[in-house]
Amino acid sequence: MPFTDHERAYLDAQHIGRLATTGPRGPQTRPVGFKLNTDGTVDIGGIRLSSTRKYRNIRERPDTEVSFIVDDLEPDGPGAIAPGWGRGVEIRGRAETLTDTDPPLAPGAFSREVIRIHPRRIISWNLDPAAPELRGRTA
């Protein structure tokens, strides 16, 4: 499993991230719904996903890596590592497009296409009280 327990707990509690792909006119970043899979891959879904530029960018450039980021501002409260500061996870890796696949969220609303990210590099910050600083590693 490429994710630490703190990263997994954080990602499991989130619902929206931002996916950056590269297209014919350069980089594109879009908000997306996602789910972290037990094998450490990330599935991204959407309404009519195969008609989107992000899906086509990946399908047309299968060897190009993507970046996926999930972050927020940490709320105040017990156990807060850096109240009011950002926390999150960036996942860099290879993405593939899948068809006729159950969507990671909203079955019946999301289409049966999925973007699956295979992590290569993981960077996280302000998630682990024992190591709150920016931490990057190869997955």
C-alpha atoms as a PDB file:
ATOM      1  CA  MET A   1       0.000   0.000   0.000  1.00  0.00           C
ATOM      2  CA  PRO A   2       1.634   3.261  -1.058  1.00  0.00           C
ATOM      3  CA  PHE A   3      -0.293   5.452   1.421  1.00  0.00           C
ATOM      4  CA  THR A   4       0.331   5.932   5.128  1.00  0.00           C
ATOM      5  CA  ASP A   5      -2.545   5.429   7.565  1.00  0.00           C
ATOM      6  CA  HIS A   6      -2.843   9.224   7.971  1.00  0.00           C
ATOM      7  CA  GLU A   7      -2.957   9.806   4.208  1.00  0.00           C
ATOM      8  CA  ARG A   8      -5.496   7.035   3.702  1.00  0.00           C
ATOM      9  CA  ALA A   9      -7.752   8.380   6.489  1.00  0.00           C
ATOM     10  CA  TYR A  10      -7.575  11.877   5.009  1.00  0.00           C
ATOM     11  CA  LEU A  11      -8.311  10.733   1.440  1.00  0.00           C
ATOM     12  CA  ASP A  12     -11.158   8.474   2.605  1.00  0.00           C
ATOM     13  CA  ALA A  13     -12.785  11.490   4.310  1.00  0.00           C
ATOM     14  CA  GLN A  14     -12.609  13.708   1.205  1.00  0.00           C
ATOM     15  CA  HIS A  15     -14.846  13.729  -1.860  1.00  0.00           C
ATOM     16  CA  ILE A  16     -13.341  16.253  -4.282  1.00  0.00           C
ATOM     17  CA  GLY A  17      -9.869  16.699  -5.683  1.00  0.00           C
ATOM     18  CA  ARG A  18      -8.279  18.400  -8.677  1.00  0.00           C
ATOM     19  CA  LEU A  19      -6.828  16.480 -11.598  1.00  0.00           C
ATOM     20  CA  ALA A  20      -4.147  18.063 -13.798  1.00  0.00           C
ATOM     21  CA  THR A  21      -3.613  16.594 -17.261  1.00  0.00           C
ATOM     22  CA  THR A  22      -1.734  17.784 -20.332  1.00  0.00           C
ATOM     23  CA  GLY A  23      -3.617  18.411 -23.541  1.00  0.00           C
ATOM     24  CA  PRO A  24      -2.935  19.805 -26.986  1.00  0.00           C
ATOM     25  CA  ARG A  25      -2.982  23.375 -25.658  1.00  0.00           C
ATOM     26  CA  GLY A  26      -1.027  22.687 -22.454  1.00  0.00           C
ATOM     27  CA  PRO A  27      -1.999  21.855 -18.872  1.00  0.00           C
ATOM     28  CA  GLN A  28      -5.588  21.596 -17.709  1.00  0.00           C
ATOM     29  CA  THR A  29      -6.790  21.269 -14.104  1.00  0.00           C
ATOM     30  CA  ARG A  30     -10.347  20.300 -13.180  1.00  0.00           C
ATOM     31  CA  PRO A  31     -12.256  19.427  -9.981  1.00  0.00           C
ATOM     32  CA  VAL A  32     -13.321  15.770  -9.863  1.00  0.00           C
ATOM     33  CA  GLY A  33     -14.968  13.221  -7.612  1.00  0.00           C
ATOM     34  CA  PHE A  34     -12.759  10.310  -6.572  1.00  0.00           C
ATOM     35  CA  LYS A  35     -12.312   7.209  -4.463  1.00  0.00           C
ATOM     36  CA  LEU A  36      -9.129   5.679  -3.049  1.00  0.00           C
ATOM     37  CA  ASN A  37      -9.077   1.950  -3.805  1.00  0.00           C
ATOM     38  CA  THR A  38      -7.752  -0.715  -1.439  1.00  0.00           C
ATOM     39  CA  ASP A  39      -4.889  -1.470  -3.852  1.00  0.00           C
ATOM     40  CA  GLY A  40      -3.652   2.138  -3.652  1.00  0.00           C
ATOM     41  CA  THR A  41      -4.978   3.300  -7.016  1.00  0.00           C
ATOM     42  CA  VAL A  42      -7.355   6.251  -7.291  1.00  0.00           C
ATOM     43  CA  ASP A  43     -10.537   6.133  -9.391  1.00  0.00           C
ATOM     44  CA  ILE A  44     -12.016   9.332 -10.781  1.00  0.00           C
ATOM     45  CA  GLY A  45     -15.532   9.506 -12.165  1.00  0.00           C
ATOM     46  CA  GLY A  46     -17.961  11.993 -13.589  1.00  0.00           C
ATOM     47  CA  ILE A  47     -21.042  12.647 -15.639  1.00  0.00           C
ATOM     48  CA  ARG A  48     -20.326  11.807 -19.304  1.00  0.00           C
ATOM     49  CA  LEU A  49     -16.645  11.405 -18.349  1.00  0.00           C
ATOM     50  CA  SER A  50     -15.521  10.078 -21.745  1.00  0.00           C
ATOM     51  CA  SER A  51     -16.656  13.308 -23.417  1.00  0.00           C
ATOM     52  CA  THR A  52     -14.438  15.483 -21.196  1.00  0.00           C
ATOM     53  CA  ARG A  53     -11.103  16.981 -22.161  1.00  0.00           C
ATOM     54  CA  LYS A  54      -9.358  15.394 -19.143  1.00  0.00           C
ATOM     55  CA  TYR A  55     -10.457  11.909 -20.228  1.00  0.00           C
ATOM     56  CA  ARG A  56      -9.393  12.546 -23.834  1.00  0.00           C
ATOM     57  CA  ASN A  57      -6.057  14.013 -22.678  1.00  0.00           C
ATOM     58  CA  ILE A  58      -5.243  10.760 -20.883  1.00  0.00           C
ATOM     59  CA  ARG A  59      -6.577   8.502 -23.627  1.00  0.00           C
ATOM     60  CA  GLU A  60      -4.612  10.417 -26.297  1.00  0.00           C
ATOM     61  CA  ARG A  61      -1.383  10.541 -24.224  1.00  0.00           C
ATOM     62  CA  PRO A  62      -1.235   7.247 -22.296  1.00  0.00           C
ATOM     63  CA  ASP A  63       2.431   7.668 -21.292  1.00  0.00           C
ATOM     64  CA  THR A  64       1.989  11.178 -19.876  1.00  0.00           C
ATOM     65  CA  GLU A  65       1.774  11.437 -16.108  1.00  0.00           C
ATOM     66  CA  VAL A  66      -0.925  13.318 -14.236  1.00  0.00           C
ATOM     67  CA  SER A  67      -1.053  15.139 -10.940  1.00  0.00           C
ATOM     68  CA  PHE A  68      -3.994  14.778  -8.560  1.00  0.00           C
ATOM     69  CA  ILE A  69      -4.308  16.920  -5.453  1.00  0.00           C
ATOM     70  CA  VAL A  70      -6.702  16.806  -2.514  1.00  0.00           C
ATOM     71  CA  ASP A  71      -6.316  19.582   0.035  1.00  0.00           C
ATOM     72  CA  ASP A  72      -8.183  21.848   2.411  1.00  0.00           C
ATOM     73  CA  LEU A  73      -7.648  24.159   5.356  1.00  0.00           C
ATOM     74  CA  GLU A  74      -7.331  22.310   8.629  1.00  0.00           C
ATOM     75  CA  PRO A  75     -10.077  23.303  11.050  1.00  0.00           C
ATOM     76  CA  ASP A  76      -9.345  24.339  14.624  1.00  0.00           C
ATOM     77  CA  GLY A  77      -9.980  21.731  17.246  1.00  0.00           C
ATOM     78  CA  PRO A  78      -8.511  18.893  19.260  1.00  0.00           C
ATOM     79  CA  GLY A  79      -5.749  17.074  17.431  1.00  0.00           C
ATOM     80  CA  ALA A  80      -5.244  19.813  14.866  1.00  0.00           C
ATOM     81  CA  ILE A  81      -1.704  19.821  13.512  1.00  0.00           C
ATOM     82  CA  ALA A  82      -1.701  23.261  11.873  1.00  0.00           C
ATOM     83  CA  PRO A  83      -5.067  24.995  12.477  1.00  0.00           C
ATOM     84  CA  GLY A  84      -5.930  27.352   9.637  1.00  0.00           C
ATOM     85  CA  TRP A  85      -3.063  26.087   7.479  1.00  0.00           C
ATOM     86  CA  GLY A  86      -3.335  23.897   4.425  1.00  0.00           C
ATOM     87  CA  ARG A  87      -3.113  20.127   4.562  1.00  0.00           C
ATOM     88  CA  GLY A  88      -3.349  17.588   1.821  1.00  0.00           C
ATOM     89  CA  VAL A  89      -1.968  14.947  -0.509  1.00  0.00           C
ATOM     90  CA  GLU A  90      -0.598  15.253  -4.029  1.00  0.00           C
ATOM     91  CA  ILE A  91      -0.442  12.079  -6.114  1.00  0.00           C
ATOM     92  CA  ARG A  92       1.648  11.964  -9.267  1.00  0.00           C
ATOM     93  CA  GLY A  93       1.495   8.973 -11.529  1.00  0.00           C
ATOM     94  CA  ARG A  94       0.328   7.227 -14.638  1.00  0.00           C
ATOM     95  CA  ALA A  95      -3.355   7.378 -15.487  1.00  0.00           C
ATOM     96  CA  GLU A  96      -5.426   5.075 -17.634  1.00  0.00           C
ATOM     97  CA  THR A  97      -8.951   5.295 -18.992  1.00  0.00           C
ATOM     98  CA  LEU A  98     -11.377   2.451 -18.343  1.00  0.00           C
ATOM     99  CA  THR A  99     -14.753   1.795 -19.934  1.00  0.00           C
ATOM    100  CA  ASP A 100     -17.757  -0.215 -18.793  1.00  0.00           C
ATOM    101  CA  THR A 101     -16.586   0.123 -15.184  1.00  0.00           C
ATOM    102  CA  ASP A 102     -18.616   0.925 -12.083  1.00  0.00           C
ATOM    103  CA  PRO A 103     -18.051   4.587 -11.197  1.00  0.00           C
ATOM    104  CA  PRO A 104     -16.304   5.398  -7.908  1.00  0.00           C
ATOM    105  CA  LEU A 105     -19.223   7.599  -6.813  1.00  0.00           C
ATOM    106  CA  ALA A 106     -22.849   8.275  -7.686  1.00  0.00           C
ATOM    107  CA  PRO A 107     -23.843   5.077  -9.520  1.00  0.00           C
ATOM    108  CA  GLY A 108     -26.665   5.922 -11.895  1.00  0.00           C
ATOM    109  CA  ALA A 109     -25.538   9.553 -12.157  1.00  0.00           C
ATOM    110  CA  PHE A 110     -21.883   9.096 -13.109  1.00  0.00           C
ATOM    111  CA  SER A 111     -21.069   7.394 -16.399  1.00  0.00           C
ATOM    112  CA  ARG A 112     -19.416   3.962 -16.626  1.00  0.00           C
ATOM    113  CA  GLU A 113     -16.027   5.383 -17.607  1.00  0.00           C
ATOM    114  CA  VAL A 114     -13.270   5.829 -15.039  1.00  0.00           C
ATOM    115  CA  ILE A 115      -9.859   7.439 -14.900  1.00  0.00           C
ATOM    116  CA  ARG A 116      -7.566   5.307 -12.741  1.00  0.00           C
ATOM    117  CA  ILE A 117      -4.337   6.754 -11.336  1.00  0.00           C
ATOM    118  CA  HIS A 118      -1.429   4.479 -10.454  1.00  0.00           C
ATOM    119  CA  PRO A 119       0.665   6.478  -7.950  1.00  0.00           C
ATOM    120  CA  ARG A 120       4.371   6.953  -8.619  1.00  0.00           C
ATOM    121  CA  ARG A 121       5.054   9.805  -6.192  1.00  0.00           C
ATOM    122  CA  ILE A 122       3.096  10.898  -3.101  1.00  0.00           C
ATOM    123  CA  ILE A 123       3.549  14.208  -1.321  1.00  0.00           C
ATOM    124  CA  SER A 124       1.617  15.044   1.845  1.00  0.00           C
ATOM    125  CA  TRP A 125       1.643  17.796   4.446  1.00  0.00           C
ATOM    126  CA  ASN A 126       0.085  18.512   7.841  1.00  0.00           C
ATOM    127  CA  LEU A 127      -1.581  15.091   8.124  1.00  0.00           C
ATOM    128  CA  ASP A 128       0.653  13.245  10.587  1.00  0.00           C
ATOM    129  CA  PRO A 129       1.222  14.829  14.027  1.00  0.00           C
ATOM    130  CA  ALA A 130       4.594  13.042  14.253  1.00  0.00           C
ATOM    131  CA  ALA A 131       5.733  14.457  10.891  1.00  0.00           C
ATOM    132  CA  PRO A 132       3.686  17.525   9.929  1.00  0.00           C
ATOM    133  CA  GLU A 133       6.158  18.925   7.407  1.00  0.00           C
ATOM    134  CA  LEU A 134       5.987  18.385   3.662  1.00  0.00           C
ATOM    135  CA  ARG A 135       6.854  14.742   2.966  1.00  0.00           C
ATOM    136  CA  GLY A 136       7.458  13.296  -0.475  1.00  0.00           C
ATOM    137  CA  ARG A 137       8.345   9.768  -1.476  1.00  0.00           C
ATOM    138  CA  THR A 138       8.265   7.347  -4.342  1.00  0.00           C
ATOM    139  CA  ALA A 139       5.257   5.053  -4.196  1.00  0.00           C
END
